[in-house]
Amino acid sequence: MHAMTTVGRPRDPRVDEALRRVVQELLVAEGYSALTVQGVARAAAVSPATVYRRFPGKRELVEWAAFQVQEWVEPVWTGDYGRDLALLTEVLLAWLAQPAVRAAVPGLLAEYIHQESRYLDLLRTTVTPVRRALAALHAEAVDRGEAANGVDLDALLDVLLGAVLLEAMTRVGDTRAAAARIADVVRRATA
């Protein structure tokens, strides 16, 4: 994930917040393909040079604004594999269903086809903590006899993320019900 440039004088946090807000609003209103650095600068009342001092281009600007990646906060697990899978799925789905993230993902995925290293960077910062959480949940479920041992957890996470991504991109509504439905399929497949 792109880190903002920090060389030189300190950046004005008000400008950063204005940029983040404008990018999110434009993504939702116009979509990724219509968003331009010049349009963001104009809407944020800054010069394009101000944006380019912070970000090399549109993709990095959108990644920063849409994917406000913060440190993974482990949910309070219940100790029940099915409920914990539903909780994990709900967290993922709620994050991906945010309007700005939802609007950014299709355009970013198209760019990642040609720049796989950027996609791998994004996965490292967003998916690695989820992978660890799923591995821990599954290991504990195996110990309690709720899940089968020997499950390919990388493939399991790919299936889970694929279902969550499809749900977030194509449906709007109650994320809790969708998360429970997806988690139930995953639970049954690993029992």
Protein backbone atom coordinates (compact mmCIF):
# COMPACT_ATOMS: atom_id res chain seq x y z
CA MET A 1 0.00 0.00 0.00
CA HIS A 2 1.25 3.44 -0.81
CA ALA A 3 2.50 5.57 2.05
CA MET A 4 2.20 9.31 1.68
CA THR A 5 5.41 11.14 0.96
CA THR A 6 6.95 12.60 4.12
CA VAL A 7 10.03 14.39 2.79
CA GLY A 8 10.06 18.19 3.20
CA ARG A 9 7.83 20.35 5.30
CA PRO A 10 5.01 18.73 7.23
CA ARG A 11 1.80 18.15 5.30
CA ASP A 12 -1.33 19.99 6.31
CA PRO A 13 -3.70 17.36 7.74
CA ARG A 14 -6.67 19.47 6.61
CA VAL A 15 -5.55 19.05 3.00
CA ASP A 16 -5.14 15.31 3.53
CA GLU A 17 -8.63 15.05 4.99
CA ALA A 18 -10.10 17.16 2.17
CA LEU A 19 -8.41 14.91 -0.40
CA ARG A 20 -9.67 11.74 1.28
CA ARG A 21 -13.24 13.09 1.50
CA VAL A 22 -13.26 14.32 -2.11
CA VAL A 23 -11.85 11.07 -3.51
CA GLN A 24 -14.43 9.04 -1.62
CA GLU A 25 -17.26 11.30 -2.78
CA LEU A 26 -16.11 11.30 -6.41
CA LEU A 27 -15.65 7.53 -6.42
CA VAL A 28 -19.21 7.03 -5.26
CA ALA A 29 -20.68 9.71 -7.54
CA GLU A 30 -18.67 9.10 -10.72
CA GLY A 31 -16.78 5.83 -10.37
CA TYR A 32 -13.11 4.98 -10.63
CA SER A 33 -12.73 5.46 -14.37
CA ALA A 34 -14.13 9.01 -14.30
CA LEU A 35 -12.01 10.12 -11.36
CA THR A 36 -8.96 12.23 -12.25
CA VAL A 37 -6.23 13.81 -10.17
CA GLN A 38 -7.14 17.17 -11.69
CA GLY A 39 -10.80 16.72 -10.75
CA VAL A 40 -9.86 15.74 -7.21
CA ALA A 41 -7.58 18.75 -6.89
CA ARG A 42 -10.27 21.09 -8.19
CA ALA A 43 -12.94 19.68 -5.84
CA ALA A 44 -10.56 19.82 -2.86
CA ALA A 45 -9.54 23.41 -3.75
CA VAL A 46 -5.84 22.53 -4.09
CA SER A 47 -3.48 22.43 -7.02
CA PRO A 48 -2.77 19.18 -8.90
CA ALA A 49 0.85 19.61 -7.76
CA THR A 50 -0.34 19.34 -4.15
CA VAL A 51 -1.88 15.95 -4.95
CA TYR A 52 1.15 14.76 -6.93
CA ARG A 53 3.48 15.71 -4.09
CA ARG A 54 1.61 13.18 -1.99
CA PHE A 55 0.82 10.48 -4.55
CA PRO A 56 2.47 9.37 -7.80
CA GLY A 57 -0.90 8.93 -9.49
CA LYS A 58 -4.58 8.15 -9.37
CA ARG A 59 -4.25 4.52 -8.29
CA GLU A 60 -2.18 5.35 -5.22
CA LEU A 61 -4.50 8.23 -4.34
CA VAL A 62 -7.55 5.96 -4.56
CA GLU A 63 -5.90 3.14 -2.59
CA TRP A 64 -5.07 5.60 0.18
CA ALA A 65 -8.50 7.24 0.25
CA ALA A 66 -10.74 4.21 -0.22
CA PHE A 67 -8.78 1.60 1.71
CA GLN A 68 -8.21 3.40 4.96
CA VAL A 69 -6.25 0.44 6.18
CA GLN A 70 -5.83 0.53 9.86
CA GLU A 71 -4.28 -2.04 12.09
CA TRP A 72 -6.36 -5.21 12.20
CA VAL A 73 -8.48 -5.28 15.31
CA GLU A 74 -9.22 -8.84 16.26
CA PRO A 75 -12.94 -9.31 16.94
CA VAL A 76 -13.96 -10.87 20.22
CA TRP A 77 -14.44 -14.46 19.20
CA THR A 78 -17.22 -16.53 20.73
CA GLY A 79 -15.48 -19.92 20.71
CA ASP A 80 -18.12 -21.32 18.34
CA TYR A 81 -16.69 -21.98 14.87
CA GLY A 82 -19.90 -21.19 12.97
CA ARG A 83 -20.57 -17.94 14.83
CA ASP A 84 -16.92 -16.88 14.60
CA LEU A 85 -16.83 -17.54 10.85
CA ALA A 86 -19.99 -15.45 10.52
CA LEU A 87 -18.38 -12.66 12.56
CA LEU A 88 -15.21 -12.73 10.45
CA THR A 89 -17.27 -12.77 7.25
CA GLU A 90 -19.41 -9.90 8.49
CA VAL A 91 -16.32 -7.78 9.24
CA LEU A 92 -14.94 -8.44 5.75
CA LEU A 93 -18.25 -7.81 4.03
CA ALA A 94 -18.94 -4.60 5.93
CA TRP A 95 -15.49 -3.31 4.99
CA LEU A 96 -15.82 -4.16 1.30
CA ALA A 97 -19.40 -2.87 1.11
CA GLN A 98 -18.41 0.65 2.12
CA PRO A 99 -19.49 2.90 -0.77
CA ALA A 100 -16.00 4.22 -1.63
CA VAL A 101 -14.39 0.78 -1.42
CA ARG A 102 -17.20 -0.71 -3.49
CA ALA A 103 -16.70 1.96 -6.15
CA ALA A 104 -12.90 1.64 -6.17
CA VAL A 105 -12.49 -2.14 -6.36
CA PRO A 106 -13.48 -2.80 -10.00
CA GLY A 107 -11.17 -0.12 -11.39
CA LEU A 108 -8.30 -1.09 -9.15
CA LEU A 109 -8.64 -4.77 -10.03
CA ALA A 110 -8.43 -3.83 -13.70
CA GLU A 111 -5.19 -1.96 -13.04
CA TYR A 112 -3.75 -4.78 -10.94
CA ILE A 113 -3.99 -7.11 -13.93
CA HIS A 114 -1.11 -5.13 -15.42
CA GLN A 115 0.67 -4.35 -12.16
CA GLU A 116 0.60 -7.49 -10.07
CA SER A 117 3.12 -6.15 -7.55
CA ARG A 118 0.67 -3.43 -6.49
CA TYR A 119 -1.99 -6.06 -5.93
CA LEU A 120 0.40 -8.15 -3.85
CA ASP A 121 1.18 -5.05 -1.76
CA LEU A 122 -2.52 -4.50 -1.16
CA LEU A 123 -3.00 -8.14 -0.17
CA ARG A 124 -0.10 -7.94 2.26
CA THR A 125 -1.64 -5.03 4.11
CA THR A 126 -5.29 -6.09 3.99
CA VAL A 127 -5.52 -9.88 3.73
CA THR A 128 -2.58 -11.16 5.78
CA PRO A 129 -4.20 -10.34 9.14
CA VAL A 130 -7.42 -11.99 7.98
CA ARG A 131 -5.46 -15.08 6.92
CA ARG A 132 -3.91 -15.31 10.40
CA ALA A 133 -7.32 -14.88 12.08
CA LEU A 134 -8.90 -17.59 9.92
CA ALA A 135 -6.00 -19.96 10.62
CA ALA A 136 -6.37 -19.44 14.36
CA LEU A 137 -10.15 -19.87 14.25
CA HIS A 138 -9.83 -23.05 12.24
CA ALA A 139 -7.08 -24.52 14.44
CA GLU A 140 -9.18 -23.92 17.55
CA ALA A 141 -12.22 -25.43 15.83
CA VAL A 142 -10.16 -28.51 14.93
CA ASP A 143 -9.10 -28.83 18.57
CA ARG A 144 -12.76 -28.65 19.67
CA GLY A 145 -13.82 -31.17 17.01
CA GLU A 146 -15.87 -28.59 15.07
CA ALA A 147 -13.75 -28.62 11.90
CA ALA A 148 -11.71 -31.08 9.88
CA ASN A 149 -7.95 -31.11 10.06
CA GLY A 150 -5.93 -30.77 6.85
CA VAL A 151 -8.05 -28.07 5.21
CA ASP A 152 -6.12 -25.92 2.71
CA LEU A 153 -6.55 -22.61 4.50
CA ASP A 154 -5.21 -20.55 1.59
CA ALA A 155 -7.86 -22.03 -0.69
CA LEU A 156 -10.47 -21.61 2.03
CA LEU A 157 -9.62 -17.93 2.38
CA ASP A 158 -9.71 -17.49 -1.40
CA VAL A 159 -13.21 -18.99 -1.48
CA LEU A 160 -14.34 -16.87 1.45
CA LEU A 161 -12.92 -13.65 -0.02
CA GLY A 162 -14.33 -14.42 -3.45
CA ALA A 163 -17.82 -14.89 -2.05
CA VAL A 164 -17.53 -11.79 0.13
CA LEU A 165 -16.21 -9.69 -2.75
CA LEU A 166 -18.97 -10.82 -5.09
CA GLU A 167 -21.60 -10.11 -2.43
CA ALA A 168 -20.16 -6.65 -1.71
CA MET A 169 -19.95 -5.70 -5.39
CA THR A 170 -23.31 -6.98 -6.56
CA ARG A 171 -25.76 -6.68 -3.69
CA VAL A 172 -26.73 -3.95 -1.30
CA GLY A 173 -28.49 -4.65 1.91
CA ASP A 174 -28.15 -6.44 5.20
CA THR A 175 -24.53 -7.57 5.44
CA ARG A 176 -25.27 -9.66 8.53
CA ALA A 177 -27.63 -12.03 6.70
CA ALA A 178 -25.27 -12.36 3.74
CA ALA A 179 -22.29 -12.94 6.04
CA ALA A 180 -24.16 -15.66 7.92
CA ARG A 181 -25.11 -17.37 4.65
CA ILE A 182 -21.53 -17.31 3.31
CA ALA A 183 -20.04 -18.40 6.64
CA ASP A 184 -22.44 -21.32 6.83
CA VAL A 185 -21.25 -22.60 3.46
CA VAL A 186 -17.61 -22.27 4.58
CA ARG A 187 -18.34 -24.00 7.89
CA ARG A 188 -20.10 -26.92 6.20
CA ALA A 189 -17.25 -27.29 3.70
CA THR A 190 -14.69 -27.57 6.48
CA ALA A 191 -16.62 -29.79 8.91
